[in-house]
């Protein structure tokens, strides 16, 4: 089974970095399209307006087990 080029993978930057930063996450298909366009036009512009804050918090992660038919 091949890789789905339309998926956007999960990733992150340093959570409490002393440097303010931002990153775009795009699918492999979009990345390849941007690379091709950059080769043809030499200019790619992405724009984002980011309003964010930092505060201590927590989140819950759901974990489950699906038992199989093999007893071992």
PDB file of N, CA and C in Angstrom:
ATOM      1  N   UNK A   1       0.841  -1.176   0.000  1.00  0.00           N
ATOM      2  CA  UNK A   1       0.000   0.000   0.000  1.00  0.00           C
ATOM      3  C   UNK A   1       0.887   1.241   0.000  1.00  0.00           C
ATOM      4  N   UNK A   2       0.591   2.185  -0.854  1.00  0.00           N
ATOM      5  CA  UNK A   2       1.414   3.380  -0.987  1.00  0.00           C
ATOM      6  C   UNK A   2       1.070   4.465   0.015  1.00  0.00           C
ATOM      7  N   UNK A   3       1.897   5.470   0.030  1.00  0.00           N
ATOM      8  CA  UNK A   3       1.710   6.605   0.930  1.00  0.00           C
ATOM      9  C   UNK A   3       0.640   7.541   0.366  1.00  0.00           C
ATOM     10  N   UNK A   4      -0.259   8.022   1.217  1.00  0.00           N
ATOM     11  CA  UNK A   4      -1.307   8.954   0.804  1.00  0.00           C
ATOM     12  C   UNK A   4      -0.720  10.356   0.772  1.00  0.00           C
ATOM     13  N   UNK A   5      -0.553  10.900  -0.415  1.00  0.00           N
ATOM     14  CA  UNK A   5       0.069  12.217  -0.593  1.00  0.00           C
ATOM     15  C   UNK A   5      -0.810  13.367  -0.120  1.00  0.00           C
ATOM     16  N   UNK A   6      -2.082  13.105   0.179  1.00  0.00           N
ATOM     17  CA  UNK A   6      -2.990  14.172   0.601  1.00  0.00           C
ATOM     18  C   UNK A   6      -3.020  14.372   2.119  1.00  0.00           C
ATOM     19  N   UNK A   7      -2.390  13.471   2.865  1.00  0.00           N
ATOM     20  CA  UNK A   7      -2.403  13.575   4.318  1.00  0.00           C
ATOM     21  C   UNK A   7      -1.471  14.687   4.792  1.00  0.00           C
ATOM     22  N   UNK A   8      -1.867  15.352   5.848  1.00  0.00           N
ATOM     23  CA  UNK A   8      -0.998  16.340   6.489  1.00  0.00           C
ATOM     24  C   UNK A   8      -0.543  15.714   7.796  1.00  0.00           C
ATOM     25  N   UNK A   9       0.733  15.498   7.899  1.00  0.00           N
ATOM     26  CA  UNK A   9       1.286  14.834   9.074  1.00  0.00           C
ATOM     27  C   UNK A   9       1.248  15.760  10.280  1.00  0.00           C
ATOM     28  N   UNK A  10       1.198  15.150  11.462  1.00  0.00           N
ATOM     29  CA  UNK A  10       1.208  15.912  12.695  1.00  0.00           C
ATOM     30  C   UNK A  10       2.648  16.221  13.072  1.00  0.00           C
ATOM     31  N   UNK A  11       2.875  17.399  13.526  1.00  0.00           N
ATOM     32  CA  UNK A  11       4.200  17.789  13.980  1.00  0.00           C
ATOM     33  C   UNK A  11       4.079  19.015  14.858  1.00  0.00           C
ATOM     34  N   UNK A  12       5.153  19.416  15.448  1.00  0.00           N
ATOM     35  CA  UNK A  12       5.094  20.595  16.303  1.00  0.00           C
ATOM     36  C   UNK A  12       6.463  21.233  16.422  1.00  0.00           C
ATOM     37  N   UNK A  13       6.449  22.469  16.839  1.00  0.00           N
ATOM     38  CA  UNK A  13       7.670  23.183  17.162  1.00  0.00           C
ATOM     39  C   UNK A  13       7.824  23.171  18.677  1.00  0.00           C
ATOM     40  N   UNK A  14       8.916  23.664  19.178  1.00  0.00           N
ATOM     41  CA  UNK A  14       9.155  23.735  20.620  1.00  0.00           C
ATOM     42  C   UNK A  14       7.997  24.464  21.296  1.00  0.00           C
ATOM     43  N   UNK A  15       7.380  23.847  22.291  1.00  0.00           N
ATOM     44  CA  UNK A  15       6.184  24.392  22.927  1.00  0.00           C
ATOM     45  C   UNK A  15       6.417  25.729  23.617  1.00  0.00           C
ATOM     46  N   UNK A  16       7.445  25.818  24.430  1.00  0.00           N
ATOM     47  CA  UNK A  16       7.718  27.063  25.159  1.00  0.00           C
ATOM     48  C   UNK A  16       9.077  27.622  24.749  1.00  0.00           C
ATOM     49  N   UNK A  17       9.300  27.728  23.458  1.00  0.00           N
ATOM     50  CA  UNK A  17      10.552  28.249  22.932  1.00  0.00           C
ATOM     51  C   UNK A  17      10.708  29.722  23.305  1.00  0.00           C
ATOM     52  N   UNK A  18      11.917  30.156  23.644  1.00  0.00           N
ATOM     53  CA  UNK A  18      12.124  31.578  23.926  1.00  0.00           C
ATOM     54  C   UNK A  18      11.993  32.436  22.664  1.00  0.00           C
ATOM     55  N   UNK A  19      12.088  31.804  21.502  1.00  0.00           N
ATOM     56  CA  UNK A  19      11.955  32.525  20.229  1.00  0.00           C
ATOM     57  C   UNK A  19      10.547  32.356  19.682  1.00  0.00           C
ATOM     58  N   UNK A  20       9.892  33.452  19.339  1.00  0.00           N
ATOM     59  CA  UNK A  20       8.569  33.359  18.722  1.00  0.00           C
ATOM     60  C   UNK A  20       8.735  32.762  17.333  1.00  0.00           C
ATOM     61  N   UNK A  21       7.909  31.772  17.018  1.00  0.00           N
ATOM     62  CA  UNK A  21       8.064  31.084  15.740  1.00  0.00           C
ATOM     63  C   UNK A  21       6.728  30.553  15.262  1.00  0.00           C
ATOM     64  N   UNK A  22       6.675  30.182  14.014  1.00  0.00           N
ATOM     65  CA  UNK A  22       5.470  29.647  13.395  1.00  0.00           C
ATOM     66  C   UNK A  22       5.899  28.776  12.227  1.00  0.00           C
ATOM     67  N   UNK A  23       5.124  27.753  11.919  1.00  0.00           N
ATOM     68  CA  UNK A  23       5.433  26.900  10.779  1.00  0.00           C
ATOM     69  C   UNK A  23       4.173  26.469  10.057  1.00  0.00           C
ATOM     70  N   UNK A  24       4.274  26.266   8.749  1.00  0.00           N
ATOM     71  CA  UNK A  24       3.177  25.742   7.947  1.00  0.00           C
ATOM     72  C   UNK A  24       3.323  24.234   7.836  1.00  0.00           C
ATOM     73  N   UNK A  25       2.236  23.501   7.951  1.00  0.00           N
ATOM     74  CA  UNK A  25       2.238  22.065   7.713  1.00  0.00           C
ATOM     75  C   UNK A  25       1.394  21.835   6.457  1.00  0.00           C
ATOM     76  N   UNK A  26       1.958  21.181   5.470  1.00  0.00           N
ATOM     77  CA  UNK A  26       1.232  20.906   4.229  1.00  0.00           C
ATOM     78  C   UNK A  26       1.392  19.437   3.874  1.00  0.00           C
ATOM     79  N   UNK A  27       0.521  18.958   3.013  1.00  0.00           N
ATOM     80  CA  UNK A  27       0.602  17.571   2.561  1.00  0.00           C
ATOM     81  C   UNK A  27       1.800  17.397   1.635  1.00  0.00           C
ATOM     82  N   UNK A  28       2.206  16.154   1.436  1.00  0.00           N
ATOM     83  CA  UNK A  28       3.290  15.845   0.504  1.00  0.00           C
ATOM     84  C   UNK A  28       2.925  16.324  -0.903  1.00  0.00           C
ATOM     85  N   UNK A  29       1.662  16.154  -1.294  1.00  0.00           N
ATOM     86  CA  UNK A  29       1.208  16.591  -2.616  1.00  0.00           C
ATOM     87  C   UNK A  29       1.364  18.109  -2.765  1.00  0.00           C
ATOM     88  N   UNK A  30       0.954  18.863  -1.739  1.00  0.00           N
ATOM     89  CA  UNK A  30       1.086  20.315  -1.774  1.00  0.00           C
ATOM     90  C   UNK A  30       2.557  20.721  -1.784  1.00  0.00           C
ATOM     91  N   UNK A  31       3.380  20.059  -0.976  1.00  0.00           N
ATOM     92  CA  UNK A  31       4.808  20.372  -0.928  1.00  0.00           C
ATOM     93  C   UNK A  31       5.456  20.162  -2.292  1.00  0.00           C
ATOM     94  N   UNK A  32       5.109  19.073  -2.946  1.00  0.00           N
ATOM     95  CA  UNK A  32       5.673  18.816  -4.278  1.00  0.00           C
ATOM     96  C   UNK A  32       5.202  19.868  -5.286  1.00  0.00           C
ATOM     97  N   UNK A  33       3.940  20.270  -5.161  1.00  0.00           N
ATOM     98  CA  UNK A  33       3.426  21.321  -6.044  1.00  0.00           C
ATOM     99  C   UNK A  33       4.137  22.643  -5.818  1.00  0.00           C
ATOM    100  N   UNK A  34       4.388  22.981  -4.555  1.00  0.00           N
ATOM    101  CA  UNK A  34       5.116  24.222  -4.249  1.00  0.00           C
ATOM    102  C   UNK A  34       6.550  24.161  -4.764  1.00  0.00           C
ATOM    103  N   UNK A  35       7.183  23.005  -4.603  1.00  0.00           N
ATOM    104  CA  UNK A  35       8.548  22.850  -5.106  1.00  0.00           C
ATOM    105  C   UNK A  35       8.591  23.032  -6.612  1.00  0.00           C
ATOM    106  N   UNK A  36       7.623  22.439  -7.309  1.00  0.00           N
ATOM    107  CA  UNK A  36       7.568  22.574  -8.770  1.00  0.00           C
ATOM    108  C   UNK A  36       7.326  24.027  -9.168  1.00  0.00           C
ATOM    109  N   UNK A  37       6.396  24.698  -8.481  1.00  0.00           N
ATOM    110  CA  UNK A  37       6.099  26.100  -8.779  1.00  0.00           C
ATOM    111  C   UNK A  37       7.312  26.984  -8.499  1.00  0.00           C
ATOM    112  N   UNK A  38       8.029  26.706  -7.422  1.00  0.00           N
ATOM    113  CA  UNK A  38       9.213  27.496  -7.084  1.00  0.00           C
ATOM    114  C   UNK A  38      10.279  27.347  -8.168  1.00  0.00           C
ATOM    115  N   UNK A  39      10.374  26.147  -8.718  1.00  0.00           N
ATOM    116  CA  UNK A  39      11.343  25.928  -9.789  1.00  0.00           C
ATOM    117  C   UNK A  39      10.979  26.699 -11.046  1.00  0.00           C
ATOM    118  N   UNK A  40       9.686  26.863 -11.288  1.00  0.00           N
ATOM    119  CA  UNK A  40       9.236  27.558 -12.500  1.00  0.00           C
ATOM    120  C   UNK A  40       9.187  29.075 -12.301  1.00  0.00           C
ATOM    121  N   UNK A  41       8.708  29.515 -11.130  1.00  0.00           N
ATOM    122  CA  UNK A  41       8.488  30.952 -10.921  1.00  0.00           C
ATOM    123  C   UNK A  41       9.491  31.585  -9.968  1.00  0.00           C
ATOM    124  N   UNK A  42      10.179  30.799  -9.190  1.00  0.00           N
ATOM    125  CA  UNK A  42      11.209  31.258  -8.256  1.00  0.00           C
ATOM    126  C   UNK A  42      10.682  32.034  -7.052  1.00  0.00           C
ATOM    127  N   UNK A  43       9.395  32.299  -6.958  1.00  0.00           N
ATOM    128  CA  UNK A  43       8.851  33.008  -5.800  1.00  0.00           C
ATOM    129  C   UNK A  43       7.611  32.276  -5.292  1.00  0.00           C
ATOM    130  N   UNK A  44       7.625  31.929  -4.030  1.00  0.00           N
ATOM    131  CA  UNK A  44       6.466  31.347  -3.354  1.00  0.00           C
ATOM    132  C   UNK A  44       6.242  32.182  -2.103  1.00  0.00           C
ATOM    133  N   UNK A  45       5.043  32.713  -1.936  1.00  0.00           N
ATOM    134  CA  UNK A  45       4.727  33.495  -0.747  1.00  0.00           C
ATOM    135  C   UNK A  45       3.601  32.839   0.019  1.00  0.00           C
ATOM    136  N   UNK A  46       3.828  32.636   1.287  1.00  0.00           N
ATOM    137  CA  UNK A  46       2.797  32.145   2.189  1.00  0.00           C
ATOM    138  C   UNK A  46       2.591  33.219   3.250  1.00  0.00           C
ATOM    139  N   UNK A  47       1.353  33.414   3.653  1.00  0.00           N
ATOM    140  CA  UNK A  47       1.051  34.448   4.638  1.00  0.00           C
ATOM    141  C   UNK A  47       0.176  33.859   5.732  1.00  0.00           C
ATOM    142  N   UNK A  48       0.462  34.242   6.959  1.00  0.00           N
ATOM    143  CA  UNK A  48      -0.363  33.804   8.083  1.00  0.00           C
ATOM    144  C   UNK A  48      -0.413  34.922   9.115  1.00  0.00           C
ATOM    145  N   UNK A  49      -1.553  35.080   9.717  1.00  0.00           N
ATOM    146  CA  UNK A  49      -1.714  35.977  10.846  1.00  0.00           C
ATOM    147  C   UNK A  49      -1.950  35.078  12.054  1.00  0.00           C
ATOM    148  N   UNK A  50      -1.028  35.091  12.991  1.00  0.00           N
ATOM    149  CA  UNK A  50      -1.094  34.190  14.130  1.00  0.00           C
ATOM    150  C   UNK A  50      -1.327  34.995  15.400  1.00  0.00           C
ATOM    151  N   UNK A  51      -2.411  34.695  16.082  1.00  0.00           N
ATOM    152  CA  UNK A  51      -2.684  35.266  17.394  1.00  0.00           C
ATOM    153  C   UNK A  51      -2.694  34.092  18.361  1.00  0.00           C
ATOM    154  N   UNK A  52      -1.663  34.001  19.180  1.00  0.00           N
ATOM    155  CA  UNK A  52      -1.522  32.839  20.049  1.00  0.00           C
ATOM    156  C   UNK A  52      -1.007  33.263  21.411  1.00  0.00           C
ATOM    157  N   UNK A  53      -1.213  32.402  22.361  1.00  0.00           N
ATOM    158  CA  UNK A  53      -0.704  32.636  23.699  1.00  0.00           C
ATOM    159  C   UNK A  53      -0.188  31.338  24.274  1.00  0.00           C
ATOM    160  N   UNK A  54       0.518  31.447  25.374  1.00  0.00           N
ATOM    161  CA  UNK A  54       1.045  30.254  26.039  1.00  0.00           C
ATOM    162  C   UNK A  54       0.569  30.232  27.478  1.00  0.00           C
ATOM    163  N   UNK A  55       0.146  29.083  27.897  1.00  0.00           N
ATOM    164  CA  UNK A  55      -0.217  28.894  29.292  1.00  0.00           C
ATOM    165  C   UNK A  55      -0.109  27.410  29.635  1.00  0.00           C
ATOM    166  N   UNK A  56       0.201  27.158  30.878  1.00  0.00           N
ATOM    167  CA  UNK A  56       0.320  25.768  31.321  1.00  0.00           C
ATOM    168  C   UNK A  56      -1.061  25.113  31.275  1.00  0.00           C
ATOM    169  N   UNK A  57      -1.103  23.858  30.843  1.00  0.00           N
ATOM    170  CA  UNK A  57      -2.363  23.143  30.742  1.00  0.00           C
ATOM    171  C   UNK A  57      -2.075  21.656  30.650  1.00  0.00           C
ATOM    172  N   UNK A  58      -3.103  20.869  30.460  1.00  0.00           N
ATOM    173  CA  UNK A  58      -2.932  19.443  30.221  1.00  0.00           C
ATOM    174  C   UNK A  58      -4.019  18.987  29.254  1.00  0.00           C
ATOM    175  N   UNK A  59      -3.853  17.813  28.723  1.00  0.00           N
ATOM    176  CA  UNK A  59      -4.856  17.232  27.841  1.00  0.00           C
ATOM    177  C   UNK A  59      -4.891  15.730  28.054  1.00  0.00           C
ATOM    178  N   UNK A  60      -6.027  15.152  27.797  1.00  0.00           N
ATOM    179  CA  UNK A  60      -6.194  13.719  27.990  1.00  0.00           C
ATOM    180  C   UNK A  60      -5.947  12.986  26.681  1.00  0.00           C
ATOM    181  N   UNK A  61      -5.298  11.841  26.782  1.00  0.00           N
ATOM    182  CA  UNK A  61      -5.037  10.998  25.623  1.00  0.00           C
ATOM    183  C   UNK A  61      -5.791   9.691  25.829  1.00  0.00           C
ATOM    184  N   UNK A  62      -6.636   9.334  24.895  1.00  0.00           N
ATOM    185  CA  UNK A  62      -7.403   8.102  24.980  1.00  0.00           C
ATOM    186  C   UNK A  62      -6.538   6.944  24.464  1.00  0.00           C
ATOM    187  N   UNK A  63      -6.486   5.874  25.242  1.00  0.00           N
ATOM    188  CA  UNK A  63      -5.731   4.687  24.857  1.00  0.00           C
ATOM    189  C   UNK A  63      -6.678   3.494  24.913  1.00  0.00           C
ATOM    190  N   UNK A  64      -6.622   2.640  23.898  1.00  0.00           N
ATOM    191  CA  UNK A  64      -7.495   1.469  23.855  1.00  0.00           C
ATOM    192  C   UNK A  64      -6.714   0.278  23.309  1.00  0.00           C
ATOM    193  N   UNK A  65      -7.190  -0.914  23.649  1.00  0.00           N
ATOM    194  CA  UNK A  65      -6.612  -2.157  23.136  1.00  0.00           C
ATOM    195  C   UNK A  65      -7.706  -2.930  22.408  1.00  0.00           C
ATOM    196  N   UNK A  66      -7.403  -3.372  21.214  1.00  0.00           N
ATOM    197  CA  UNK A  66      -8.344  -4.206  20.463  1.00  0.00           C
ATOM    198  C   UNK A  66      -7.752  -5.617  20.468  1.00  0.00           C
ATOM    199  N   UNK A  67      -8.360  -6.522  21.229  1.00  0.00           N
ATOM    200  CA  UNK A  67      -7.793  -7.865  21.309  1.00  0.00           C
ATOM    201  C   UNK A  67      -7.897  -8.603  19.972  1.00  0.00           C
ATOM    202  N   UNK A  68      -6.871  -9.381  19.662  1.00  0.00           N
ATOM    203  CA  UNK A  68      -6.866 -10.158  18.434  1.00  0.00           C
ATOM    204  C   UNK A  68      -7.327 -11.579  18.670  1.00  0.00           C
ATOM    205  N   UNK A  69      -7.406 -12.363  17.609  1.00  0.00           N
ATOM    206  CA  UNK A  69      -7.868 -13.748  17.693  1.00  0.00           C
ATOM    207  C   UNK A  69      -6.725 -14.704  18.036  1.00  0.00           C
ATOM    208  N   UNK A  70      -5.456 -14.276  17.863  1.00  0.00           N
ATOM    209  CA  UNK A  70      -4.301 -15.132  18.134  1.00  0.00           C
ATOM    210  C   UNK A  70      -4.034 -15.151  19.631  1.00  0.00           C
ATOM    211  N   UNK A  71      -4.130 -16.313  20.312  1.00  0.00           N
ATOM    212  CA  UNK A  71      -3.943 -16.361  21.763  1.00  0.00           C
ATOM    213  C   UNK A  71      -2.526 -16.005  22.224  1.00  0.00           C
ATOM    214  N   UNK A  72      -1.542 -16.049  21.359  1.00  0.00           N
ATOM    215  CA  UNK A  72      -0.159 -15.722  21.771  1.00  0.00           C
ATOM    216  C   UNK A  72       0.041 -14.225  21.683  1.00  0.00           C
TER     217      UNK A  72
END
